[in-house]
Protein backbone atom coordinates (compact mmCIF):
# COMPACT_ATOMS: atom_id res chain seq x y z
CA MET A 1 20.15 31.56 -5.30
CA LYS A 2 23.27 30.10 -7.08
CA GLU A 3 25.50 31.42 -4.29
CA PHE A 4 23.18 30.14 -1.39
CA ALA A 5 23.15 26.60 -2.97
CA ARG A 6 26.82 26.64 -3.74
CA LYS A 7 27.66 27.90 0.04
CA GLN A 8 25.37 24.93 1.54
CA ARG A 9 27.43 22.47 -0.74
CA ASP A 10 30.31 23.97 0.58
CA GLU A 11 29.30 23.47 3.98
CA ASN A 12 28.60 19.75 3.21
CA ARG A 13 25.01 20.20 3.50
CA ILE A 14 22.98 17.79 1.91
CA VAL A 15 20.54 20.46 -0.43
CA GLY A 16 16.96 19.47 -1.32
CA LEU A 17 14.74 20.97 -3.84
CA VAL A 18 10.80 21.07 -3.94
CA PRO A 19 9.49 22.69 -7.30
CA THR A 20 6.16 23.95 -6.93
CA MET A 21 3.91 26.69 -8.69
CA GLY A 22 2.58 27.92 -5.18
CA ALA A 23 -0.73 27.51 -4.03
CA LEU A 24 0.23 25.37 -1.41
CA HIS A 25 -1.79 22.49 -0.09
CA PRO A 26 -0.89 19.46 2.03
CA GLY A 27 0.16 17.35 -0.42
CA HIS A 28 3.61 19.83 -1.29
CA LEU A 29 4.33 20.15 2.06
CA SER A 30 4.47 16.29 2.43
CA LEU A 31 6.98 16.49 -0.57
CA ILE A 32 8.90 19.01 2.26
CA LYS A 33 8.46 16.42 5.24
CA GLN A 34 10.11 13.61 3.00
CA ALA A 35 12.84 16.11 2.06
CA ARG A 36 13.72 16.88 5.77
CA GLN A 37 14.49 13.26 6.29
CA GLN A 38 17.03 13.00 3.50
CA CYS A 39 18.45 16.73 3.67
CA SER A 40 19.83 19.30 5.54
CA SER A 41 19.28 22.33 3.65
CA LEU A 42 15.90 22.61 1.76
CA VAL A 43 14.78 24.96 -0.88
CA ALA A 44 11.38 25.49 -2.21
CA SER A 45 10.72 27.39 -5.55
CA ILE A 46 7.61 29.05 -6.53
CA PHE A 47 7.03 30.11 -10.03
CA VAL A 48 3.97 29.94 -12.24
CA ASN A 49 5.46 28.79 -15.19
CA PRO A 50 4.09 30.49 -18.56
CA THR A 51 5.52 27.97 -21.01
CA GLN A 52 3.66 25.04 -19.73
CA PHE A 53 0.12 26.62 -20.02
CA GLY A 54 -1.67 26.68 -23.61
CA PRO A 55 -3.17 29.78 -25.14
CA SER A 56 -6.93 28.89 -23.59
CA GLU A 57 -5.36 27.38 -20.16
CA ASP A 58 -5.73 28.96 -17.10
CA PHE A 59 -2.62 30.90 -16.44
CA ALA A 60 -3.65 34.13 -15.48
CA LYS A 61 -6.00 33.19 -13.06
CA TYR A 62 -4.06 30.13 -11.60
CA PRO A 63 -4.05 30.67 -7.68
CA ARG A 64 -1.56 32.74 -6.25
CA ALA A 65 -1.26 32.98 -2.30
CA LEU A 66 2.51 33.70 -1.81
CA PRO A 67 2.17 35.37 1.96
CA ALA A 68 0.12 32.41 2.97
CA ASP A 69 2.65 29.76 0.89
CA SER A 70 5.89 31.64 2.81
CA GLU A 71 4.45 31.32 6.24
CA LYS A 72 3.55 27.27 5.41
CA LEU A 73 7.33 26.83 4.17
CA GLU A 74 8.75 28.50 6.60
CA ASN A 75 6.87 26.62 9.36
CA ALA A 76 7.52 23.04 7.54
CA GLY A 77 11.49 24.05 7.93
CA VAL A 78 11.98 25.56 4.78
CA GLN A 79 15.73 27.38 4.84
CA CYS A 80 15.21 28.93 1.32
CA LEU A 81 12.30 30.23 -0.83
CA PHE A 82 13.39 30.96 -4.61
CA LEU A 83 11.02 33.25 -6.19
CA PRO A 84 12.51 33.80 -9.84
CA GLU A 85 10.27 35.84 -12.22
CA ALA A 86 9.61 35.23 -15.63
CA LYS A 87 12.23 37.52 -17.23
CA ASP A 88 15.12 35.90 -15.08
CA ILE A 89 14.05 32.32 -16.28
CA TYR A 90 13.02 33.39 -19.74
CA PRO A 91 15.22 35.92 -20.64
CA PRO A 92 14.85 38.32 -23.76
CA LYS A 93 15.65 35.90 -26.96
CA TYR A 94 15.27 33.02 -25.13
CA SER A 95 15.44 30.05 -27.55
CA THR A 96 16.60 26.93 -25.75
CA TYR A 97 14.05 24.13 -24.84
CA VAL A 98 14.05 20.50 -23.31
CA ASP A 99 12.03 17.79 -25.08
CA VAL A 100 11.67 14.23 -23.87
CA GLU A 101 10.34 12.61 -27.23
CA GLY A 102 8.04 9.92 -26.75
CA LEU A 103 6.81 10.12 -23.36
CA SER A 104 5.54 13.68 -23.84
CA GLU A 105 3.57 13.14 -26.60
CA ARG A 106 1.12 10.91 -25.01
CA LEU A 107 -2.06 11.55 -23.08
CA GLU A 108 -1.48 14.85 -21.11
CA GLY A 109 1.07 15.79 -23.76
CA ARG A 110 -1.73 14.91 -26.66
CA SER A 111 -4.28 17.27 -24.80
CA ARG A 112 -2.07 20.00 -23.92
CA PRO A 113 0.84 20.51 -26.88
CA GLY A 114 3.73 21.85 -25.62
CA HIS A 115 3.01 21.58 -22.11
CA PHE A 116 5.58 19.01 -21.07
CA ARG A 117 8.26 20.77 -23.04
CA GLY A 118 7.63 23.86 -20.81
CA VAL A 119 7.51 21.37 -17.66
CA SER A 120 10.96 19.98 -18.75
CA THR A 121 12.66 22.94 -19.51
CA VAL A 122 11.76 24.93 -16.31
CA VAL A 123 12.62 21.91 -14.28
CA MET A 124 15.84 21.66 -16.25
CA LYS A 125 16.71 25.09 -15.21
CA LEU A 126 15.52 25.33 -11.65
CA LEU A 127 18.44 22.07 -11.32
CA GLN A 128 20.86 23.89 -12.96
CA ILE A 129 20.19 26.85 -10.75
CA VAL A 130 19.95 25.09 -7.38
CA GLN A 131 22.00 21.92 -8.27
CA PRO A 132 20.26 20.25 -5.45
CA GLN A 133 21.35 16.55 -4.48
CA PHE A 134 17.90 15.48 -4.34
CA ALA A 135 14.48 17.01 -6.10
CA TYR A 136 11.07 15.99 -4.87
CA PHE A 137 7.96 15.32 -7.22
CA GLY A 138 4.52 13.85 -6.29
CA ARG A 139 3.00 11.16 -8.10
CA LYS A 140 -0.27 12.96 -8.78
CA ASP A 141 1.22 13.98 -11.91
CA ALA A 142 2.33 10.62 -12.83
CA GLN A 143 3.54 11.48 -16.53
CA GLN A 144 5.32 14.53 -15.61
CA ALA A 145 7.22 12.51 -12.96
CA ALA A 146 8.08 9.87 -15.24
CA ILE A 147 9.33 12.79 -18.18
CA ILE A 148 11.45 14.38 -15.30
CA SER A 149 13.01 11.21 -13.92
CA ARG A 150 13.75 9.96 -17.94
CA MET A 151 15.22 13.63 -18.54
CA ALA A 152 17.63 13.47 -15.62
CA THR A 153 18.83 9.85 -16.43
CA ASP A 154 19.35 10.86 -20.09
CA LEU A 155 21.09 14.10 -19.25
CA ASN A 156 23.37 12.56 -16.59
CA LEU A 157 21.99 14.90 -14.10
CA ASP A 158 23.47 14.14 -10.39
CA THR A 159 20.29 15.26 -8.94
CA GLU A 160 18.40 12.28 -7.71
CA ILE A 161 14.60 12.66 -8.55
CA GLU A 162 12.23 11.25 -5.54
CA ILE A 163 8.80 10.64 -6.43
CA CYS A 164 6.31 10.75 -3.27
CA PRO A 165 2.98 9.33 -3.11
CA ILE A 166 -0.21 11.21 -3.74
CA GLU A 167 -1.92 12.95 -0.57
CA ARG A 168 -5.63 12.51 -0.66
CA GLU A 169 -8.42 14.52 0.77
CA ALA A 170 -10.54 12.19 3.56
CA ASP A 171 -13.33 11.38 0.35
CA GLY A 172 -10.26 9.99 -1.40
CA LEU A 173 -10.05 13.52 -4.05
CA ALA A 174 -6.36 13.82 -4.75
CA MET A 175 -4.78 16.96 -3.20
CA SER A 176 -4.51 19.71 -6.04
CA SER A 177 -4.15 23.75 -6.40
CA ARG A 178 -6.70 23.24 -9.24
CA ASN A 179 -9.42 21.74 -6.37
CA VAL A 180 -9.99 25.40 -5.23
CA TYR A 181 -11.63 26.22 -9.04
CA LEU A 182 -14.17 23.34 -7.93
CA GLN A 183 -17.70 24.74 -7.51
CA THR A 184 -19.75 23.35 -4.81
CA GLY A 185 -21.55 20.77 -6.76
CA ASP A 186 -18.56 19.70 -8.73
CA ARG A 187 -16.36 19.21 -5.82
CA GLN A 188 -19.06 17.00 -4.34
CA SER A 189 -19.16 15.07 -7.90
CA ALA A 190 -15.65 14.88 -8.02
CA THR A 191 -15.26 11.93 -5.59
CA VAL A 192 -16.37 9.93 -8.20
CA LEU A 193 -12.65 9.59 -9.17
CA HIS A 194 -11.76 7.68 -6.31
CA ARG A 195 -14.85 5.48 -6.28
CA SER A 196 -13.85 4.36 -9.95
CA PHE A 197 -10.25 3.51 -9.01
CA GLN A 198 -11.97 1.94 -6.22
CA ALA A 199 -14.09 -0.25 -8.87
CA ALA A 200 -10.80 -1.07 -10.50
CA GLN A 201 -8.93 -2.04 -7.43
CA THR A 202 -11.50 -4.45 -6.75
CA LEU A 203 -11.26 -6.11 -10.05
CA LEU A 204 -7.69 -6.49 -9.75
CA GLN A 205 -7.71 -7.99 -6.32
CA ASN A 206 -10.06 -10.56 -7.56
CA GLY A 207 -7.86 -11.69 -10.06
CA SER A 208 -8.75 -9.85 -13.27
CA ARG A 209 -5.35 -8.41 -15.39
CA ASP A 210 -7.44 -7.49 -18.38
CA ALA A 211 -7.15 -3.72 -19.01
CA LEU A 212 -10.26 -3.18 -20.85
CA SER A 213 -12.43 -4.89 -18.17
CA LEU A 214 -10.80 -2.39 -15.75
CA GLN A 215 -11.39 0.41 -17.91
CA SER A 216 -15.07 -0.43 -18.43
CA ALA A 217 -15.57 -0.81 -15.02
CA MET A 218 -14.12 3.05 -14.06
CA HIS A 219 -16.32 4.18 -17.25
CA ARG A 220 -19.32 2.82 -15.93
CA VAL A 221 -18.53 4.76 -12.28
CA LEU A 222 -17.87 7.87 -13.87
CA LYS A 223 -21.21 7.94 -16.00
CA GLN A 224 -22.97 8.13 -12.80
CA GLU A 225 -22.16 11.60 -12.13
CA SER A 226 -23.57 13.74 -14.78
CA ARG A 227 -21.14 16.53 -14.27
CA ALA A 228 -17.86 14.37 -15.13
CA LYS A 229 -16.70 14.85 -18.44
CA VAL A 230 -14.25 12.24 -18.98
CA ASP A 231 -11.10 13.02 -21.37
CA TYR A 232 -9.37 9.76 -20.82
CA VAL A 233 -9.09 6.33 -18.79
CA GLU A 234 -5.89 4.77 -19.63
CA ILE A 235 -3.94 1.95 -18.18
CA VAL A 236 -0.14 2.22 -19.21
CA ASP A 237 2.97 0.67 -18.75
CA ALA A 238 4.60 2.95 -15.67
CA GLU A 239 7.98 3.23 -17.38
CA THR A 240 7.13 4.00 -21.16
CA PHE A 241 3.50 4.98 -20.91
CA GLU A 242 2.79 2.76 -23.58
CA PRO A 243 -1.06 1.33 -23.32
CA LEU A 244 -1.19 -2.23 -21.89
CA THR A 245 -3.80 -4.97 -22.79
CA HIS A 246 -2.85 -7.46 -20.10
CA ILE A 247 -1.34 -6.10 -16.55
CA ASN A 248 1.30 -8.32 -15.98
CA ARG A 249 3.93 -5.65 -14.66
CA LYS A 250 4.02 -2.45 -13.21
CA ALA A 251 1.47 -0.03 -14.53
CA TYR A 252 -0.32 2.99 -13.61
CA VAL A 253 -4.17 3.43 -14.23
CA LEU A 254 -4.62 7.18 -15.46
CA LEU A 255 -7.83 9.47 -15.98
CA ALA A 256 -8.39 12.76 -16.66
CA VAL A 257 -11.87 14.29 -15.95
CA LYS A 258 -13.32 17.88 -16.09
CA PHE A 259 -15.97 19.28 -13.92
CA GLY A 260 -16.97 22.41 -15.20
CA GLU A 261 -14.11 24.39 -16.54
CA THR A 262 -11.95 22.25 -14.32
CA ARG A 263 -9.69 19.40 -15.45
CA LEU A 264 -8.46 16.86 -12.83
CA LEU A 265 -6.00 14.28 -13.02
CA ASP A 266 -5.46 11.29 -10.72
CA ASN A 267 -3.83 7.86 -10.83
CA MET A 268 -3.86 4.38 -9.19
CA LEU A 269 0.09 2.72 -9.27
CA VAL A 270 -0.37 -0.91 -9.58
CA ASP A 271 2.89 -3.24 -9.00
CA PHE A 272 4.00 -6.94 -8.17
CA SER A 273 6.22 -7.90 -5.62
CA ASP A 274 9.37 -10.63 -6.20
CA THR A 275 6.65 -13.20 -5.27
CA GLY A 276 4.05 -12.03 -7.77
CA GLU A 277 1.75 -10.53 -5.23
CA LEU A 278 -0.59 -7.70 -6.29
CA ASN A 279 0.06 -4.13 -4.81
CA VAL A 280 -2.04 -1.36 -5.27
CA GLU A 281 -1.26 2.24 -4.31
CA LEU A 282 -3.88 5.30 -4.58
């Protein structure tokens, strides 16, 4: 992999990396589409990273679909598929990890201790191996994207981190590899996530900037679905992920909700133009 990437750079190609854990869906392919606009050589990695799964999480049953994934990547214009094994990424006596303090301890970090240490470490290793000019991540995992961006800045990495929009199903559910775990009833119930964001969006467009009011409106919608077990609904500063009481700057509206045994994440980005105009991205 290092030799391939070095050769691409020696030929003055712009190398892009799309790191994935496989089970590819149109959300992943949208990252590749974005990468093709900026890069002349594309690398996609598939590696189900054991260090970002907790003891009771779904590492063993995480969906794996290599033949279908490989075909999708080739059809999408990816030049190189990188398939490291765990022993290559974490050789015997491996003991070095990357930890982005502060950001990694909130929200998902609180719910899943050690998760972001595993994420930041494996992403750092992939960036070191491929050394791309650009790397692409989806905004659905907003906290993960923020941590990776902070890591790249703090460690003076040459790679530019590109955060791409969320891709959604026709009914508004954010595309995720874990959606395949949803039972039929849970899949229909999961559309309540999008409806809760729409309730918050309506309040924002009507002039509300009070975070508690938005959270209360979202909780009221979520309670309409008995299958939805809410972990958190939070409104945070988009850079620091500190909780906000008043939305007067770029912010994320974040939620984590379980349906059966499947825990789903989603978010809405709230921003303001230079003229103060409200922009909401679902």
